[in-house]
């Protein structure tokens, strides 16, 4: 009687050697690597999302605080003042260069006005200008028009409107500037 080894096929499989260049092995390793990277990215994404949610909560808490609101108001005021300062410096430079209006013209206009009149508004161009004055009486308006005519700054002076304004009067005066205007 001869001996039969029934386990021989199973023993051969147990000693099976893997070929590193096998396409099946490379495919399995690629799938495992891709799965590992994907799981790592998912975990990283969840951690980032939870950190972002926590940061948003902290930010909303900070934005609601009185200190943040006060600091934001101060920063807004600083920004507005910086912009105002830049515009004022630009306007001063233009005035000094004579690009906007000669200060000599304003000095002459002020000198030609009676002491009882107050300039409220002026819209000055090179050809036509209009002024709004506050005056104590109608007689002061006539005196103002006469002094503006005699100032030599204008070709024609017109009183377009005089209205009672509180205890005094508001006079709207239109003028034609001399050729070449100041």
C-alpha atoms as a PDB file:
ATOM      1  CA  UNK A   1       0.000   0.000   0.000  1.00  0.00           C
ATOM      2  CA  UNK A   2       1.266   3.315  -0.873  1.00  0.00           C
ATOM      3  CA  UNK A   3       1.049   6.574   1.034  1.00  0.00           C
ATOM      4  CA  UNK A   4      -0.917   9.391  -0.360  1.00  0.00           C
ATOM      5  CA  UNK A   5      -0.286  12.980   0.638  1.00  0.00           C
ATOM      6  CA  UNK A   6      -3.619  14.715   0.418  1.00  0.00           C
ATOM      7  CA  UNK A   7      -2.192  18.001   1.671  1.00  0.00           C
ATOM      8  CA  UNK A   8       0.366  18.423  -1.054  1.00  0.00           C
ATOM      9  CA  UNK A   9      -1.669  20.931  -3.142  1.00  0.00           C
ATOM     10  CA  UNK A  10      -2.330  23.010  -0.040  1.00  0.00           C
ATOM     11  CA  UNK A  11       1.318  22.944   0.971  1.00  0.00           C
ATOM     12  CA  UNK A  12       2.338  24.164  -2.460  1.00  0.00           C
ATOM     13  CA  UNK A  13      -0.052  27.103  -2.204  1.00  0.00           C
ATOM     14  CA  UNK A  14       1.329  28.040   1.200  1.00  0.00           C
ATOM     15  CA  UNK A  15       4.772  28.355  -0.250  1.00  0.00           C
ATOM     16  CA  UNK A  16       3.553  30.472  -3.175  1.00  0.00           C
ATOM     17  CA  UNK A  17       6.029  33.312  -3.964  1.00  0.00           C
ATOM     18  CA  UNK A  18       4.830  36.685  -5.118  1.00  0.00           C
ATOM     19  CA  UNK A  19       6.211  38.284  -8.228  1.00  0.00           C
ATOM     20  CA  UNK A  20       6.851  42.020  -7.583  1.00  0.00           C
ATOM     21  CA  UNK A  21       6.415  42.854 -11.268  1.00  0.00           C
ATOM     22  CA  UNK A  22       3.016  41.223 -11.397  1.00  0.00           C
ATOM     23  CA  UNK A  23       0.338  43.628 -12.763  1.00  0.00           C
ATOM     24  CA  UNK A  24      -2.218  42.305 -10.294  1.00  0.00           C
ATOM     25  CA  UNK A  25       0.085  43.028  -7.346  1.00  0.00           C
ATOM     26  CA  UNK A  26       0.886  46.527  -8.646  1.00  0.00           C
ATOM     27  CA  UNK A  27      -2.834  47.249  -9.134  1.00  0.00           C
ATOM     28  CA  UNK A  28      -3.666  46.105  -5.596  1.00  0.00           C
ATOM     29  CA  UNK A  29      -0.837  48.202  -4.138  1.00  0.00           C
ATOM     30  CA  UNK A  30      -1.986  51.247  -6.171  1.00  0.00           C
ATOM     31  CA  UNK A  31      -5.565  50.862  -4.919  1.00  0.00           C
ATOM     32  CA  UNK A  32      -4.338  50.538  -1.331  1.00  0.00           C
ATOM     33  CA  UNK A  33      -2.132  53.664  -1.719  1.00  0.00           C
ATOM     34  CA  UNK A  34      -4.973  55.689  -3.266  1.00  0.00           C
ATOM     35  CA  UNK A  35      -7.365  54.552  -0.530  1.00  0.00           C
ATOM     36  CA  UNK A  36      -4.817  55.556   2.141  1.00  0.00           C
ATOM     37  CA  UNK A  37      -4.293  59.005   0.633  1.00  0.00           C
ATOM     38  CA  UNK A  38      -8.064  59.496   0.282  1.00  0.00           C
ATOM     39  CA  UNK A  39      -8.708  58.543   3.898  1.00  0.00           C
ATOM     40  CA  UNK A  40      -5.910  60.889   4.989  1.00  0.00           C
ATOM     41  CA  UNK A  41      -7.417  63.754   2.978  1.00  0.00           C
ATOM     42  CA  UNK A  42     -10.889  63.086   4.406  1.00  0.00           C
ATOM     43  CA  UNK A  43      -9.555  63.150   7.957  1.00  0.00           C
ATOM     44  CA  UNK A  44      -7.575  66.309   7.228  1.00  0.00           C
ATOM     45  CA  UNK A  45     -10.674  67.937   5.689  1.00  0.00           C
ATOM     46  CA  UNK A  46     -12.805  67.099   8.744  1.00  0.00           C
ATOM     47  CA  UNK A  47     -10.158  68.513  11.084  1.00  0.00           C
ATOM     48  CA  UNK A  48      -9.899  71.714   9.001  1.00  0.00           C
ATOM     49  CA  UNK A  49     -13.699  72.059   8.908  1.00  0.00           C
ATOM     50  CA  UNK A  50     -13.967  71.757  12.674  1.00  0.00           C
ATOM     51  CA  UNK A  51     -11.129  74.282  13.166  1.00  0.00           C
ATOM     52  CA  UNK A  52     -12.820  76.666  10.720  1.00  0.00           C
ATOM     53  CA  UNK A  53     -16.163  76.348  12.541  1.00  0.00           C
ATOM     54  CA  UNK A  54     -14.415  77.065  15.848  1.00  0.00           C
ATOM     55  CA  UNK A  55     -12.615  80.078  14.355  1.00  0.00           C
ATOM     56  CA  UNK A  56     -15.914  81.443  12.968  1.00  0.00           C
ATOM     57  CA  UNK A  57     -17.519  81.076  16.388  1.00  0.00           C
ATOM     58  CA  UNK A  58     -14.606  82.893  18.016  1.00  0.00           C
ATOM     59  CA  UNK A  59     -14.734  85.633  15.368  1.00  0.00           C
ATOM     60  CA  UNK A  60     -18.463  86.214  15.842  1.00  0.00           C
ATOM     61  CA  UNK A  61     -17.886  86.428  19.607  1.00  0.00           C
ATOM     62  CA  UNK A  62     -15.094  88.960  19.105  1.00  0.00           C
ATOM     63  CA  UNK A  63     -17.124  91.025  16.612  1.00  0.00           C
ATOM     64  CA  UNK A  64     -19.982  91.256  19.100  1.00  0.00           C
ATOM     65  CA  UNK A  65     -17.725  92.539  21.883  1.00  0.00           C
ATOM     66  CA  UNK A  66     -17.791  96.203  22.862  1.00  0.00           C
ATOM     67  CA  UNK A  67     -14.027  96.533  22.455  1.00  0.00           C
ATOM     68  CA  UNK A  68     -14.188  95.364  18.828  1.00  0.00           C
ATOM     69  CA  UNK A  69     -17.054  97.720  18.026  1.00  0.00           C
ATOM     70  CA  UNK A  70     -15.212 100.653  19.614  1.00  0.00           C
ATOM     71  CA  UNK A  71     -11.969  99.772  17.824  1.00  0.00           C
ATOM     72  CA  UNK A  72     -13.831  99.441  14.518  1.00  0.00           C
ATOM     73  CA  UNK A  73     -15.439 102.881  15.006  1.00  0.00           C
ATOM     74  CA  UNK A  74     -12.049 104.391  15.818  1.00  0.00           C
ATOM     75  CA  UNK A  75     -10.491 102.777  12.740  1.00  0.00           C
ATOM     76  CA  UNK A  76     -13.328 104.089  10.569  1.00  0.00           C
ATOM     77  CA  UNK A  77     -12.806 107.584  11.987  1.00  0.00           C
ATOM     78  CA  UNK A  78      -9.048 107.332  11.414  1.00  0.00           C
ATOM     79  CA  UNK A  79      -9.613 106.254   7.812  1.00  0.00           C
ATOM     80  CA  UNK A  80     -12.034 109.134   7.243  1.00  0.00           C
ATOM     81  CA  UNK A  81      -9.641 111.651   8.794  1.00  0.00           C
ATOM     82  CA  UNK A  82      -6.741 110.313   6.725  1.00  0.00           C
ATOM     83  CA  UNK A  83      -8.788 110.716   3.556  1.00  0.00           C
ATOM     84  CA  UNK A  84      -9.864 114.204   4.653  1.00  0.00           C
ATOM     85  CA  UNK A  85      -6.244 115.128   5.400  1.00  0.00           C
ATOM     86  CA  UNK A  86      -5.114 113.941   1.962  1.00  0.00           C
ATOM     87  CA  UNK A  87      -7.900 115.901   0.245  1.00  0.00           C
ATOM     88  CA  UNK A  88      -7.189 118.992   2.336  1.00  0.00           C
ATOM     89  CA  UNK A  89      -3.484 118.828   1.489  1.00  0.00           C
ATOM     90  CA  UNK A  90      -4.355 118.478  -2.199  1.00  0.00           C
ATOM     91  CA  UNK A  91      -6.765 121.441  -2.043  1.00  0.00           C
ATOM     92  CA  UNK A  92      -4.202 123.562  -0.176  1.00  0.00           C
ATOM     93  CA  UNK A  93      -1.604 122.764  -2.812  1.00  0.00           C
ATOM     94  CA  UNK A  94      -4.013 123.781  -5.583  1.00  0.00           C
ATOM     95  CA  UNK A  95      -4.939 126.991  -3.786  1.00  0.00           C
ATOM     96  CA  UNK A  96      -1.276 127.870  -3.263  1.00  0.00           C
ATOM     97  CA  UNK A  97      -0.537 127.199  -6.952  1.00  0.00           C
ATOM     98  CA  UNK A  98      -3.530 129.297  -7.948  1.00  0.00           C
ATOM     99  CA  UNK A  99      -5.216 126.387  -9.751  1.00  0.00           C
ATOM    100  CA  UNK A 100      -8.514 126.795  -7.901  1.00  0.00           C
ATOM    101  CA  UNK A 101      -8.865 130.397  -6.909  1.00  0.00           C
ATOM    102  CA  UNK A 102      -6.458 133.131  -6.013  1.00  0.00           C
ATOM    103  CA  UNK A 103      -6.497 134.058  -2.356  1.00  0.00           C
ATOM    104  CA  UNK A 104      -6.013 137.654  -3.506  1.00  0.00           C
ATOM    105  CA  UNK A 105      -9.505 137.516  -5.024  1.00  0.00           C
ATOM    106  CA  UNK A 106     -11.008 136.352  -1.740  1.00  0.00           C
ATOM    107  CA  UNK A 107      -9.143 139.065   0.148  1.00  0.00           C
ATOM    108  CA  UNK A 108     -10.413 141.706  -2.298  1.00  0.00           C
ATOM    109  CA  UNK A 109     -13.963 140.341  -2.059  1.00  0.00           C
ATOM    110  CA  UNK A 110     -13.820 140.368   1.725  1.00  0.00           C
ATOM    111  CA  UNK A 111     -12.468 143.930   1.743  1.00  0.00           C
ATOM    112  CA  UNK A 112     -15.282 145.130  -0.541  1.00  0.00           C
ATOM    113  CA  UNK A 113     -18.031 143.710   1.702  1.00  0.00           C
ATOM    114  CA  UNK A 114     -19.583 145.929   4.389  1.00  0.00           C
ATOM    115  CA  UNK A 115     -18.920 144.731   7.931  1.00  0.00           C
ATOM    116  CA  UNK A 116     -22.609 144.011   8.499  1.00  0.00           C
ATOM    117  CA  UNK A 117     -22.748 141.392   5.707  1.00  0.00           C
ATOM    118  CA  UNK A 118     -21.761 137.744   6.093  1.00  0.00           C
ATOM    119  CA  UNK A 119     -20.973 135.464   3.147  1.00  0.00           C
ATOM    120  CA  UNK A 120     -22.939 132.212   3.488  1.00  0.00           C
ATOM    121  CA  UNK A 121     -22.162 130.519   0.189  1.00  0.00           C
ATOM    122  CA  UNK A 122     -20.155 131.213  -2.931  1.00  0.00           C
ATOM    123  CA  UNK A 123     -20.131 129.450  -6.292  1.00  0.00           C
ATOM    124  CA  UNK A 124     -17.270 131.000  -8.215  1.00  0.00           C
ATOM    125  CA  UNK A 125     -16.295 130.264 -11.814  1.00  0.00           C
ATOM    126  CA  UNK A 126     -14.148 132.216 -14.258  1.00  0.00           C
ATOM    127  CA  UNK A 127     -17.118 133.958 -15.921  1.00  0.00           C
ATOM    128  CA  UNK A 128     -20.190 133.882 -13.647  1.00  0.00           C
ATOM    129  CA  UNK A 129     -20.477 133.608  -9.886  1.00  0.00           C
ATOM    130  CA  UNK A 130     -23.274 133.614  -7.393  1.00  0.00           C
ATOM    131  CA  UNK A 131     -23.132 134.457  -3.711  1.00  0.00           C
ATOM    132  CA  UNK A 132     -25.474 134.116  -0.794  1.00  0.00           C
ATOM    133  CA  UNK A 133     -25.131 136.744   1.946  1.00  0.00           C
ATOM    134  CA  UNK A 134     -26.758 137.205   5.338  1.00  0.00           C
ATOM    135  CA  UNK A 135     -27.643 140.865   5.954  1.00  0.00           C
ATOM    136  CA  UNK A 136     -29.314 142.708   8.843  1.00  0.00           C
ATOM    137  CA  UNK A 137     -31.620 144.789   6.592  1.00  0.00           C
ATOM    138  CA  UNK A 138     -32.675 145.514   3.002  1.00  0.00           C
ATOM    139  CA  UNK A 139     -30.627 148.703   3.122  1.00  0.00           C
ATOM    140  CA  UNK A 140     -27.541 146.614   3.888  1.00  0.00           C
ATOM    141  CA  UNK A 141     -28.275 144.619   0.714  1.00  0.00           C
ATOM    142  CA  UNK A 142     -28.278 147.812  -1.370  1.00  0.00           C
ATOM    143  CA  UNK A 143     -25.041 148.910   0.309  1.00  0.00           C
ATOM    144  CA  UNK A 144     -23.475 145.492  -0.439  1.00  0.00           C
ATOM    145  CA  UNK A 145     -24.416 145.614  -4.133  1.00  0.00           C
ATOM    146  CA  UNK A 146     -22.997 149.113  -4.416  1.00  0.00           C
ATOM    147  CA  UNK A 147     -19.711 148.133  -2.761  1.00  0.00           C
ATOM    148  CA  UNK A 148     -19.403 145.017  -4.971  1.00  0.00           C
ATOM    149  CA  UNK A 149     -19.956 147.181  -8.076  1.00  0.00           C
ATOM    150  CA  UNK A 150     -17.245 149.581  -6.942  1.00  0.00           C
ATOM    151  CA  UNK A 151     -14.769 146.820  -6.030  1.00  0.00           C
ATOM    152  CA  UNK A 152     -13.602 146.437  -9.631  1.00  0.00           C
ATOM    153  CA  UNK A 153     -13.872 142.635  -9.398  1.00  0.00           C
ATOM    154  CA  UNK A 154     -17.071 142.298 -11.424  1.00  0.00           C
ATOM    155  CA  UNK A 155     -18.504 143.630 -14.680  1.00  0.00           C
ATOM    156  CA  UNK A 156     -22.153 143.399 -13.558  1.00  0.00           C
ATOM    157  CA  UNK A 157     -23.775 142.744 -10.188  1.00  0.00           C
ATOM    158  CA  UNK A 158     -27.398 141.548  -9.903  1.00  0.00           C
ATOM    159  CA  UNK A 159     -29.580 141.005  -6.869  1.00  0.00           C
ATOM    160  CA  UNK A 160     -31.578 137.911  -7.820  1.00  0.00           C
ATOM    161  CA  UNK A 161     -33.449 137.375  -4.551  1.00  0.00           C
ATOM    162  CA  UNK A 162     -33.802 138.743  -1.043  1.00  0.00           C
ATOM    163  CA  UNK A 163     -35.688 136.689   1.544  1.00  0.00           C
ATOM    164  CA  UNK A 164     -36.496 137.267   5.214  1.00  0.00           C
ATOM    165  CA  UNK A 165     -34.382 134.821   7.208  1.00  0.00           C
ATOM    166  CA  UNK A 166     -34.857 135.024  10.973  1.00  0.00           C
ATOM    167  CA  UNK A 167     -34.042 138.504  12.276  1.00  0.00           C
ATOM    168  CA  UNK A 168     -32.199 139.420   9.046  1.00  0.00           C
ATOM    169  CA  UNK A 169     -32.295 138.783   5.318  1.00  0.00           C
ATOM    170  CA  UNK A 170     -30.657 136.325   2.948  1.00  0.00           C
ATOM    171  CA  UNK A 171     -29.640 137.917  -0.352  1.00  0.00           C
ATOM    172  CA  UNK A 172     -28.736 135.956  -3.484  1.00  0.00           C
ATOM    173  CA  UNK A 173     -26.396 137.978  -5.701  1.00  0.00           C
ATOM    174  CA  UNK A 174     -25.191 136.970  -9.191  1.00  0.00           C
ATOM    175  CA  UNK A 175     -22.161 138.576 -10.788  1.00  0.00           C
ATOM    176  CA  UNK A 176     -20.297 138.557 -14.092  1.00  0.00           C
ATOM    177  CA  UNK A 177     -16.571 138.280 -13.493  1.00  0.00           C
ATOM    178  CA  UNK A 178     -14.131 140.569 -15.225  1.00  0.00           C
ATOM    179  CA  UNK A 179     -12.446 139.032 -18.268  1.00  0.00           C
ATOM    180  CA  UNK A 180      -9.775 136.551 -17.274  1.00  0.00           C
ATOM    181  CA  UNK A 181     -11.242 136.256 -13.724  1.00  0.00           C
ATOM    182  CA  UNK A 182      -8.953 135.918 -10.761  1.00  0.00           C
END
